[in-house]
Amino acid sequence: MDVKVLVAYATKYGATADIAEKIGLVLRQAGLHTDVLPTDSVSDLTLYKAVVLGSAVYAGQWRKEAVRFLGANEKTMAERPVWLFSSGPTGEGDPVQLMKGWRFPGAQQPIADRIQPRDIAFFHGELDMKKLSFAEKLIVKGIKAPVGDFRDWDSITSWAAAIADELKQTVP
């Protein structure tokens, strides 16, 4: 199948990059030609028939490079199938419930509405104290954020497999 898919991501400490790599692996295993790249490394979106875009979330906001990518590529993304994902909350339970109903940054919602993504997913993240700055460690301790890797690889794999199935059925 000659469907070229871009999985673009913005990450701070690598957890979102790992999620993007897993999504890319699942898409490749389904026979889709897939590039997995940081948003800042993507120069020509027209090469791709579909886009999966994800970002780490901090304080309810996407990383600035993901926001920039979303805005700069809005028109092109509106012309092809798009899936969006966020990663961030740590702890047990539904990430949307942990974030009190938050699913996507409000400031970027109008762009998402115009693009009309096929789905918007929200995955648990990872919090590794060894990677944090001193100030970040103080914040984490102050808000008592759960520390560890809470990414649900089965959920991520299932979501990516659903994307692959849809692309194989609908994209020429």
Foldseek 3Di string as FASTA:
>chain_A
DAAEEEEEEEEDQCFVLVLSVLLQVLLVVLVYHYDYYYLVPDDDPVVGQEYEYEAEDDPLDGPPSSVVSLVVCLVVLLNHAYEYEYEYADDDDDPCVVVVNRQHRPVCVVSCVSSVHPYYYYWYTAADPVPDDPVVNVVCVVVVGDHGGRGDSVVSSVVSNVVSVVCVPPPD
